[in-house]
PDB file of all heavy atoms in Angstrom:
ATOM      1  N   LEU A   1     -11.932   7.785  -2.895  1.00  0.00           N
ATOM      2  CA  LEU A   1     -12.173   8.000  -1.476  1.00  0.00           C
ATOM      3  C   LEU A   1     -13.655   8.277  -1.259  1.00  0.00           C
ATOM      4  O   LEU A   1     -14.237   9.129  -1.945  1.00  0.00           O
ATOM      5  CB  LEU A   1     -11.354   9.180  -0.962  1.00  0.00           C
ATOM      6  CG  LEU A   1      -9.822   9.084  -1.070  1.00  0.00           C
ATOM      7  CD1 LEU A   1      -9.188  10.307  -0.412  1.00  0.00           C
ATOM      8  CD2 LEU A   1      -9.301   7.807  -0.440  1.00  0.00           C
ATOM      9  N   ASN A   2     -14.278   7.541  -0.326  1.00  0.00           N
ATOM     10  CA  ASN A   2     -15.679   7.806  -0.033  1.00  0.00           C
ATOM     11  C   ASN A   2     -15.807   9.039   0.868  1.00  0.00           C
ATOM     12  O   ASN A   2     -14.809   9.662   1.241  1.00  0.00           O
ATOM     13  CB  ASN A   2     -16.359   6.576   0.590  1.00  0.00           C
ATOM     14  CG  ASN A   2     -15.773   6.199   1.945  1.00  0.00           C
ATOM     15  OD1 ASN A   2     -15.004   6.947   2.549  1.00  0.00           O
ATOM     16  ND2 ASN A   2     -16.137   5.023   2.427  1.00  0.00           N
ATOM     17  N   PHE A   3     -17.043   9.374   1.224  1.00  0.00           N
ATOM     18  CA  PHE A   3     -17.275  10.618   1.982  1.00  0.00           C
ATOM     19  C   PHE A   3     -16.532  10.598   3.308  1.00  0.00           C
ATOM     20  O   PHE A   3     -15.924  11.597   3.709  1.00  0.00           O
ATOM     21  CB  PHE A   3     -18.771  10.816   2.214  1.00  0.00           C
ATOM     22  CG  PHE A   3     -19.080  12.011   3.078  1.00  0.00           C
ATOM     23  CD1 PHE A   3     -19.012  13.295   2.551  1.00  0.00           C
ATOM     24  CD2 PHE A   3     -19.418  11.853   4.409  1.00  0.00           C
ATOM     25  CE1 PHE A   3     -19.274  14.408   3.346  1.00  0.00           C
ATOM     26  CE2 PHE A   3     -19.686  12.953   5.212  1.00  0.00           C
ATOM     27  CZ  PHE A   3     -19.616  14.240   4.675  1.00  0.00           C
ATOM     28  N   ARG A   4     -16.572   9.469   4.009  1.00  0.00           N
ATOM     29  CA  ARG A   4     -15.935   9.407   5.322  1.00  0.00           C
ATOM     30  C   ARG A   4     -14.429   9.589   5.213  1.00  0.00           C
ATOM     31  O   ARG A   4     -13.824  10.319   6.003  1.00  0.00           O
ATOM     32  CB  ARG A   4     -16.254   8.070   5.999  1.00  0.00           C
ATOM     33  CG  ARG A   4     -15.653   7.955   7.395  1.00  0.00           C
ATOM     34  CD  ARG A   4     -16.018   6.655   8.071  1.00  0.00           C
ATOM     35  NE  ARG A   4     -17.449   6.571   8.312  1.00  0.00           N
ATOM     36  CZ  ARG A   4     -18.017   5.588   9.013  1.00  0.00           C
ATOM     37  NH1 ARG A   4     -17.282   4.614   9.513  1.00  0.00           N
ATOM     38  NH2 ARG A   4     -19.318   5.572   9.202  1.00  0.00           N
ATOM     39  N   SER A   5     -13.812   8.938   4.229  1.00  0.00           N
ATOM     40  CA  SER A   5     -12.360   9.070   4.080  1.00  0.00           C
ATOM     41  C   SER A   5     -11.981  10.480   3.637  1.00  0.00           C
ATOM     42  O   SER A   5     -10.960  11.018   4.070  1.00  0.00           O
ATOM     43  CB  SER A   5     -11.825   8.035   3.088  1.00  0.00           C
ATOM     44  OG  SER A   5     -12.498   8.112   1.846  1.00  0.00           O
ATOM     45  N   GLN A   6     -12.808  11.112   2.796  1.00  0.00           N
ATOM     46  CA  GLN A   6     -12.538  12.496   2.401  1.00  0.00           C
ATOM     47  C   GLN A   6     -12.636  13.427   3.603  1.00  0.00           C
ATOM     48  O   GLN A   6     -11.849  14.379   3.738  1.00  0.00           O
ATOM     49  CB  GLN A   6     -13.534  12.941   1.332  1.00  0.00           C
ATOM     50  CG  GLN A   6     -13.320  12.273  -0.024  1.00  0.00           C
ATOM     51  CD  GLN A   6     -14.265  12.835  -1.076  1.00  0.00           C
ATOM     52  OE1 GLN A   6     -14.109  13.966  -1.525  1.00  0.00           O
ATOM     53  NE2 GLN A   6     -15.256  12.051  -1.463  1.00  0.00           N
ATOM     54  N   LEU A   7     -13.598  13.151   4.484  1.00  0.00           N
ATOM     55  CA  LEU A   7     -13.753  13.962   5.688  1.00  0.00           C
ATOM     56  C   LEU A   7     -12.524  13.835   6.581  1.00  0.00           C
ATOM     57  O   LEU A   7     -12.022  14.826   7.131  1.00  0.00           O
ATOM     58  CB  LEU A   7     -15.010  13.529   6.442  1.00  0.00           C
ATOM     59  CG  LEU A   7     -15.409  14.376   7.660  1.00  0.00           C
ATOM     60  CD1 LEU A   7     -15.731  15.807   7.233  1.00  0.00           C
ATOM     61  CD2 LEU A   7     -16.620  13.743   8.353  1.00  0.00           C
ATOM     62  N   LEU A   8     -12.014  12.614   6.707  1.00  0.00           N
ATOM     63  CA  LEU A   8     -10.819  12.391   7.517  1.00  0.00           C
ATOM     64  C   LEU A   8      -9.607  13.109   6.926  1.00  0.00           C
ATOM     65  O   LEU A   8      -8.800  13.698   7.658  1.00  0.00           O
ATOM     66  CB  LEU A   8     -10.531  10.892   7.617  1.00  0.00           C
ATOM     67  CG  LEU A   8     -11.405  10.089   8.582  1.00  0.00           C
ATOM     68  CD1 LEU A   8     -11.158   8.602   8.390  1.00  0.00           C
ATOM     69  CD2 LEU A   8     -11.127  10.495  10.016  1.00  0.00           C
ATOM     70  N   ILE A   9      -9.485  13.045   5.605  1.00  0.00           N
ATOM     71  CA  ILE A   9      -8.366  13.705   4.936  1.00  0.00           C
ATOM     72  C   ILE A   9      -8.435  15.216   5.150  1.00  0.00           C
ATOM     73  O   ILE A   9      -7.428  15.879   5.444  1.00  0.00           O
ATOM     74  CB  ILE A   9      -8.368  13.386   3.432  1.00  0.00           C
ATOM     75  CG1 ILE A   9      -8.074  11.903   3.195  1.00  0.00           C
ATOM     76  CG2 ILE A   9      -7.361  14.264   2.696  1.00  0.00           C
ATOM     77  CD1 ILE A   9      -6.732  11.437   3.694  1.00  0.00           C
ATOM     78  N   THR A  10      -9.640  15.774   5.012  1.00  0.00           N
ATOM     79  CA  THR A  10      -9.818  17.212   5.221  1.00  0.00           C
ATOM     80  C   THR A  10      -9.457  17.609   6.642  1.00  0.00           C
ATOM     81  O   THR A  10      -8.740  18.596   6.879  1.00  0.00           O
ATOM     82  CB  THR A  10     -11.275  17.621   4.925  1.00  0.00           C
ATOM     83  OG1 THR A  10     -11.599  17.286   3.573  1.00  0.00           O
ATOM     84  CG2 THR A  10     -11.464  19.124   5.130  1.00  0.00           C
ATOM     85  N   LEU A  11      -9.936  16.828   7.596  1.00  0.00           N
ATOM     86  CA  LEU A  11      -9.623  17.090   8.997  1.00  0.00           C
ATOM     87  C   LEU A  11      -8.122  16.995   9.238  1.00  0.00           C
ATOM     88  O   LEU A  11      -7.523  17.847   9.915  1.00  0.00           O
ATOM     89  CB  LEU A  11     -10.359  16.090   9.886  1.00  0.00           C
ATOM     90  CG  LEU A  11     -10.030  16.135  11.390  1.00  0.00           C
ATOM     91  CD1 LEU A  11     -10.450  17.481  11.974  1.00  0.00           C
ATOM     92  CD2 LEU A  11     -10.717  14.992  12.123  1.00  0.00           C
ATOM     93  N   GLY A  12      -7.503  15.951   8.676  1.00  0.00           N
ATOM     94  CA  GLY A  12      -6.070  15.759   8.854  1.00  0.00           C
ATOM     95  C   GLY A  12      -5.260  16.914   8.303  1.00  0.00           C
ATOM     96  O   GLY A  12      -4.286  17.361   8.922  1.00  0.00           O
ATOM     97  N   ASN A  13      -5.662  17.417   7.135  1.00  0.00           N
ATOM     98  CA  ASN A  13      -4.931  18.527   6.528  1.00  0.00           C
ATOM     99  C   ASN A  13      -5.081  19.819   7.339  1.00  0.00           C
ATOM    100  O   ASN A  13      -4.187  20.662   7.341  1.00  0.00           O
ATOM    101  CB  ASN A  13      -5.414  18.755   5.089  1.00  0.00           C
ATOM    102  CG  ASN A  13      -4.690  17.852   4.091  1.00  0.00           C
ATOM    103  OD1 ASN A  13      -3.479  17.930   3.923  1.00  0.00           O
ATOM    104  ND2 ASN A  13      -5.443  16.980   3.438  1.00  0.00           N
ATOM    105  N   LEU A  14      -6.200  19.940   8.050  1.00  0.00           N
ATOM    106  CA  LEU A  14      -6.418  21.130   8.866  1.00  0.00           C
ATOM    107  C   LEU A  14      -5.547  21.141  10.116  1.00  0.00           C
ATOM    108  O   LEU A  14      -5.124  22.211  10.573  1.00  0.00           O
ATOM    109  CB  LEU A  14      -7.895  21.225   9.268  1.00  0.00           C
ATOM    110  CG  LEU A  14      -8.879  21.615   8.163  1.00  0.00           C
ATOM    111  CD1 LEU A  14     -10.312  21.512   8.681  1.00  0.00           C
ATOM    112  CD2 LEU A  14      -8.600  23.028   7.660  1.00  0.00           C
ATOM    113  N   VAL A  15      -5.281  19.945  10.666  1.00  0.00           N
ATOM    114  CA  VAL A  15      -4.577  19.890  11.957  1.00  0.00           C
ATOM    115  C   VAL A  15      -3.187  19.275  11.865  1.00  0.00           C
ATOM    116  O   VAL A  15      -2.515  19.120  12.886  1.00  0.00           O
ATOM    117  CB  VAL A  15      -5.421  19.091  12.981  1.00  0.00           C
ATOM    118  CG1 VAL A  15      -6.799  19.729  13.149  1.00  0.00           C
ATOM    119  CG2 VAL A  15      -5.564  17.623  12.577  1.00  0.00           C
ATOM    120  N   LYS A  16      -2.727  18.935  10.665  1.00  0.00           N
ATOM    121  CA  LYS A  16      -1.459  18.216  10.536  1.00  0.00           C
ATOM    122  C   LYS A  16      -0.252  18.998  11.041  1.00  0.00           C
ATOM    123  O   LYS A  16       0.779  18.413  11.370  1.00  0.00           O
ATOM    124  CB  LYS A  16      -1.227  17.794   9.086  1.00  0.00           C
ATOM    125  CG  LYS A  16      -1.005  18.943   8.118  1.00  0.00           C
ATOM    126  CD  LYS A  16      -0.865  18.436   6.689  1.00  0.00           C
ATOM    127  CE  LYS A  16      -0.649  19.591   5.716  1.00  0.00           C
ATOM    128  NZ  LYS A  16      -0.568  19.114   4.322  1.00  0.00           N
ATOM    129  N   HIS A  17      -0.369  20.328  11.104  1.00  0.00           N
ATOM    130  CA  HIS A  17       0.766  21.144  11.565  1.00  0.00           C
ATOM    131  C   HIS A  17       0.791  21.305  13.083  1.00  0.00           C
ATOM    132  O   HIS A  17       1.790  21.775  13.635  1.00  0.00           O
ATOM    133  CB  HIS A  17       0.732  22.521  10.899  1.00  0.00           C
ATOM    134  CG  HIS A  17       0.908  22.480   9.413  1.00  0.00           C
ATOM    135  ND1 HIS A  17       2.054  22.011   8.812  1.00  0.00           N
ATOM    136  CD2 HIS A  17       0.058  22.828   8.404  1.00  0.00           C
ATOM    137  CE1 HIS A  17       1.916  22.092   7.490  1.00  0.00           C
ATOM    138  NE2 HIS A  17       0.721  22.571   7.228  1.00  0.00           N
ATOM    139  N   ILE A  18      -0.299  20.922  13.743  1.00  0.00           N
ATOM    140  CA  ILE A  18      -0.353  21.126  15.184  1.00  0.00           C
ATOM    141  C   ILE A  18      -0.530  19.830  15.969  1.00  0.00           C
ATOM    142  O   ILE A  18      -0.263  19.791  17.167  1.00  0.00           O
ATOM    143  CB  ILE A  18      -1.489  22.110  15.561  1.00  0.00           C
ATOM    144  CG1 ILE A  18      -2.836  21.602  15.036  1.00  0.00           C
ATOM    145  CG2 ILE A  18      -1.193  23.498  15.025  1.00  0.00           C
ATOM    146  CD1 ILE A  18      -4.014  22.489  15.423  1.00  0.00           C
ATOM    147  N   VAL A  19      -0.955  18.779  15.295  1.00  0.00           N
ATOM    148  CA  VAL A  19      -1.176  17.492  15.961  1.00  0.00           C
ATOM    149  C   VAL A  19      -0.060  16.526  15.571  1.00  0.00           C
ATOM    150  O   VAL A  19       0.285  16.426  14.391  1.00  0.00           O
ATOM    151  CB  VAL A  19      -2.545  16.893  15.554  1.00  0.00           C
ATOM    152  CG1 VAL A  19      -2.711  15.477  16.121  1.00  0.00           C
ATOM    153  CG2 VAL A  19      -3.667  17.798  16.039  1.00  0.00           C
ATOM    154  N   PRO A  20       0.544  15.828  16.529  1.00  0.00           N
ATOM    155  CA  PRO A  20       1.575  14.837  16.193  1.00  0.00           C
ATOM    156  C   PRO A  20       1.062  13.842  15.150  1.00  0.00           C
ATOM    157  O   PRO A  20      -0.065  13.350  15.272  1.00  0.00           O
ATOM    158  CB  PRO A  20       1.854  14.151  17.533  1.00  0.00           C
ATOM    159  CG  PRO A  20       1.507  15.172  18.562  1.00  0.00           C
ATOM    160  CD  PRO A  20       0.324  15.918  17.990  1.00  0.00           C
ATOM    161  N   TYR A  21       1.868  13.578  14.143  1.00  0.00           N
ATOM    162  CA  TYR A  21       1.397  12.763  13.023  1.00  0.00           C
ATOM    163  C   TYR A  21       0.985  11.362  13.444  1.00  0.00           C
ATOM    164  O   TYR A  21       0.098  10.755  12.841  1.00  0.00           O
ATOM    165  CB  TYR A  21       2.457  12.717  11.914  1.00  0.00           C
ATOM    166  CG  TYR A  21       3.600  11.756  12.135  1.00  0.00           C
ATOM    167  CD1 TYR A  21       3.551  10.476  11.607  1.00  0.00           C
ATOM    168  CD2 TYR A  21       4.732  12.128  12.850  1.00  0.00           C
ATOM    169  CE1 TYR A  21       4.605   9.591  11.791  1.00  0.00           C
ATOM    170  CE2 TYR A  21       5.777  11.251  13.048  1.00  0.00           C
ATOM    171  CZ  TYR A  21       5.711   9.983  12.510  1.00  0.00           C
ATOM    172  OH  TYR A  21       6.743   9.101  12.691  1.00  0.00           O
ATOM    173  N   MET A  22       1.583  10.822  14.495  1.00  0.00           N
ATOM    174  CA  MET A  22       1.218   9.479  14.925  1.00  0.00           C
ATOM    175  C   MET A  22      -0.194   9.441  15.488  1.00  0.00           C
ATOM    176  O   MET A  22      -0.873   8.418  15.407  1.00  0.00           O
ATOM    177  CB  MET A  22       2.215   8.938  15.948  1.00  0.00           C
ATOM    178  CG  MET A  22       3.543   8.484  15.341  1.00  0.00           C
ATOM    179  SD  MET A  22       3.339   7.308  13.959  1.00  0.00           S
ATOM    180  CE  MET A  22       2.391   5.994  14.724  1.00  0.00           C
ATOM    181  N   TRP A  23      -0.673  10.550  16.063  1.00  0.00           N
ATOM    182  CA  TRP A  23      -2.063  10.587  16.510  1.00  0.00           C
ATOM    183  C   TRP A  23      -2.983  10.436  15.310  1.00  0.00           C
ATOM    184  O   TRP A  23      -3.951   9.678  15.353  1.00  0.00           O
ATOM    185  CB  TRP A  23      -2.351  11.913  17.206  1.00  0.00           C
ATOM    186  CG  TRP A  23      -1.691  12.085  18.529  1.00  0.00           C
ATOM    187  CD1 TRP A  23      -0.710  11.297  19.079  1.00  0.00           C
ATOM    188  CD2 TRP A  23      -1.957  13.121  19.480  1.00  0.00           C
ATOM    189  NE1 TRP A  23      -0.332  11.780  20.307  1.00  0.00           N
ATOM    190  CE2 TRP A  23      -1.077  12.905  20.594  1.00  0.00           C
ATOM    191  CE3 TRP A  23      -2.824  14.210  19.514  1.00  0.00           C
ATOM    192  CZ2 TRP A  23      -1.070  13.743  21.689  1.00  0.00           C
ATOM    193  CZ3 TRP A  23      -2.816  15.045  20.619  1.00  0.00           C
ATOM    194  CH2 TRP A  23      -1.953  14.817  21.691  1.00  0.00           C
ATOM    195  N   LEU A  24      -2.664  11.166  14.239  1.00  0.00           N
ATOM    196  CA  LEU A  24      -3.471  11.082  13.024  1.00  0.00           C
ATOM    197  C   LEU A  24      -3.404   9.686  12.416  1.00  0.00           C
ATOM    198  O   LEU A  24      -4.419   9.127  12.005  1.00  0.00           O
ATOM    199  CB  LEU A  24      -2.988  12.122  12.003  1.00  0.00           C
ATOM    200  CG  LEU A  24      -3.287  13.586  12.301  1.00  0.00           C
ATOM    201  CD1 LEU A  24      -2.636  14.474  11.247  1.00  0.00           C
ATOM    202  CD2 LEU A  24      -4.786  13.825  12.336  1.00  0.00           C
ATOM    203  N   TYR A  25      -2.198   9.143  12.380  1.00  0.00           N
ATOM    204  CA  TYR A  25      -2.041   7.840  11.724  1.00  0.00           C
ATOM    205  C   TYR A  25      -2.792   6.760  12.497  1.00  0.00           C
ATOM    206  O   TYR A  25      -3.429   5.892  11.895  1.00  0.00           O
ATOM    207  CB  TYR A  25      -0.558   7.467  11.604  1.00  0.00           C
ATOM    208  CG  TYR A  25      -0.332   6.427  10.541  1.00  0.00           C
ATOM    209  CD1 TYR A  25      -0.141   6.786   9.218  1.00  0.00           C
ATOM    210  CD2 TYR A  25      -0.358   5.070  10.854  1.00  0.00           C
ATOM    211  CE1 TYR A  25       0.029   5.834   8.232  1.00  0.00           C
ATOM    212  CE2 TYR A  25      -0.191   4.112   9.877  1.00  0.00           C
ATOM    213  CZ  TYR A  25       0.007   4.505   8.568  1.00  0.00           C
ATOM    214  OH  TYR A  25       0.150   3.565   7.604  1.00  0.00           O
ATOM    215  N   ARG A  26      -2.716   6.808  13.821  1.00  0.00           N
ATOM    216  CA  ARG A  26      -3.453   5.827  14.632  1.00  0.00           C
ATOM    217  C   ARG A  26      -4.954   5.958  14.410  1.00  0.00           C
ATOM    218  O   ARG A  26      -5.672   4.958  14.340  1.00  0.00           O
ATOM    219  CB  ARG A  26      -3.121   6.008  16.109  1.00  0.00           C
ATOM    220  CG  ARG A  26      -1.738   5.492  16.509  1.00  0.00           C
ATOM    221  CD  ARG A  26      -1.612   5.441  18.017  1.00  0.00           C
ATOM    222  NE  ARG A  26      -0.322   4.897  18.423  1.00  0.00           N
ATOM    223  CZ  ARG A  26       0.728   5.650  18.741  1.00  0.00           C
ATOM    224  NH1 ARG A  26       0.630   6.981  18.672  1.00  0.00           N
ATOM    225  NH2 ARG A  26       1.867   5.097  19.096  1.00  0.00           N
ATOM    226  N   LEU A  27      -5.437   7.184  14.299  1.00  0.00           N
ATOM    227  CA  LEU A  27      -6.853   7.411  14.041  1.00  0.00           C
ATOM    228  C   LEU A  27      -7.255   6.821  12.695  1.00  0.00           C
ATOM    229  O   LEU A  27      -8.251   6.092  12.587  1.00  0.00           O
ATOM    230  CB  LEU A  27      -7.164   8.913  14.075  1.00  0.00           C
ATOM    231  CG  LEU A  27      -8.587   9.304  13.637  1.00  0.00           C
ATOM    232  CD1 LEU A  27      -9.622   8.702  14.585  1.00  0.00           C
ATOM    233  CD2 LEU A  27      -8.726  10.830  13.581  1.00  0.00           C
ATOM    234  N   PHE A  28      -6.477   7.127  11.643  1.00  0.00           N
ATOM    235  CA  PHE A  28      -6.798   6.611  10.317  1.00  0.00           C
ATOM    236  C   PHE A  28      -6.738   5.085  10.292  1.00  0.00           C
ATOM    237  O   PHE A  28      -7.582   4.424   9.673  1.00  0.00           O
ATOM    238  CB  PHE A  28      -5.837   7.183   9.275  1.00  0.00           C
ATOM    239  CG  PHE A  28      -6.000   8.660   9.053  1.00  0.00           C
ATOM    240  CD1 PHE A  28      -4.933   9.443   8.689  1.00  0.00           C
ATOM    241  CD2 PHE A  28      -7.229   9.272   9.236  1.00  0.00           C
ATOM    242  CE1 PHE A  28      -5.080  10.811   8.496  1.00  0.00           C
ATOM    243  CE2 PHE A  28      -7.396  10.630   9.042  1.00  0.00           C
ATOM    244  CZ  PHE A  28      -6.321  11.399   8.673  1.00  0.00           C
ATOM    245  N   ALA A  29      -5.725   4.526  10.945  1.00  0.00           N
ATOM    246  CA  ALA A  29      -5.585   3.068  10.969  1.00  0.00           C
ATOM    247  C   ALA A  29      -6.794   2.420  11.631  1.00  0.00           C
ATOM    248  O   ALA A  29      -7.298   1.388  11.171  1.00  0.00           O
ATOM    249  CB  ALA A  29      -4.302   2.666  11.689  1.00  0.00           C
ATOM    250  N   TRP A  30      -7.277   3.042  12.696  1.00  0.00           N
ATOM    251  CA  TRP A  30      -8.429   2.477  13.394  1.00  0.00           C
ATOM    252  C   TRP A  30      -9.701   2.610  12.574  1.00  0.00           C
ATOM    253  O   TRP A  30     -10.517   1.692  12.516  1.00  0.00           O
ATOM    254  CB  TRP A  30      -8.608   3.178  14.750  1.00  0.00           C
ATOM    255  CG  TRP A  30      -9.741   2.578  15.540  1.00  0.00           C
ATOM    256  CD1 TRP A  30      -9.717   1.460  16.321  1.00  0.00           C
ATOM    257  CD2 TRP A  30     -11.074   3.095  15.609  1.00  0.00           C
ATOM    258  NE1 TRP A  30     -10.959   1.231  16.864  1.00  0.00           N
ATOM    259  CE2 TRP A  30     -11.818   2.227  16.456  1.00  0.00           C
ATOM    260  CE3 TRP A  30     -11.717   4.204  15.044  1.00  0.00           C
ATOM    261  CZ2 TRP A  30     -13.172   2.433  16.729  1.00  0.00           C
ATOM    262  CZ3 TRP A  30     -13.062   4.410  15.335  1.00  0.00           C
ATOM    263  CH2 TRP A  30     -13.775   3.533  16.166  1.00  0.00           C
ATOM    264  N   VAL A  31      -9.885   3.756  11.909  1.00  0.00           N
ATOM    265  CA  VAL A  31     -11.093   3.964  11.095  1.00  0.00           C
ATOM    266  C   VAL A  31     -11.106   3.019   9.895  1.00  0.00           C
ATOM    267  O   VAL A  31     -12.136   2.435   9.547  1.00  0.00           O
ATOM    268  CB  VAL A  31     -11.183   5.436  10.635  1.00  0.00           C
ATOM    269  CG1 VAL A  31     -12.312   5.614   9.620  1.00  0.00           C
ATOM    270  CG2 VAL A  31     -11.410   6.350  11.835  1.00  0.00           C
TER     271      VAL A  31
END
């Protein structure tokens, strides 16, 4: 994982309990 993908993973792990998972998945898919 490059720096950008690691940053996304870190962000996702921080908010995964409060943000609907499809919001995260759509973001990752677009990036």
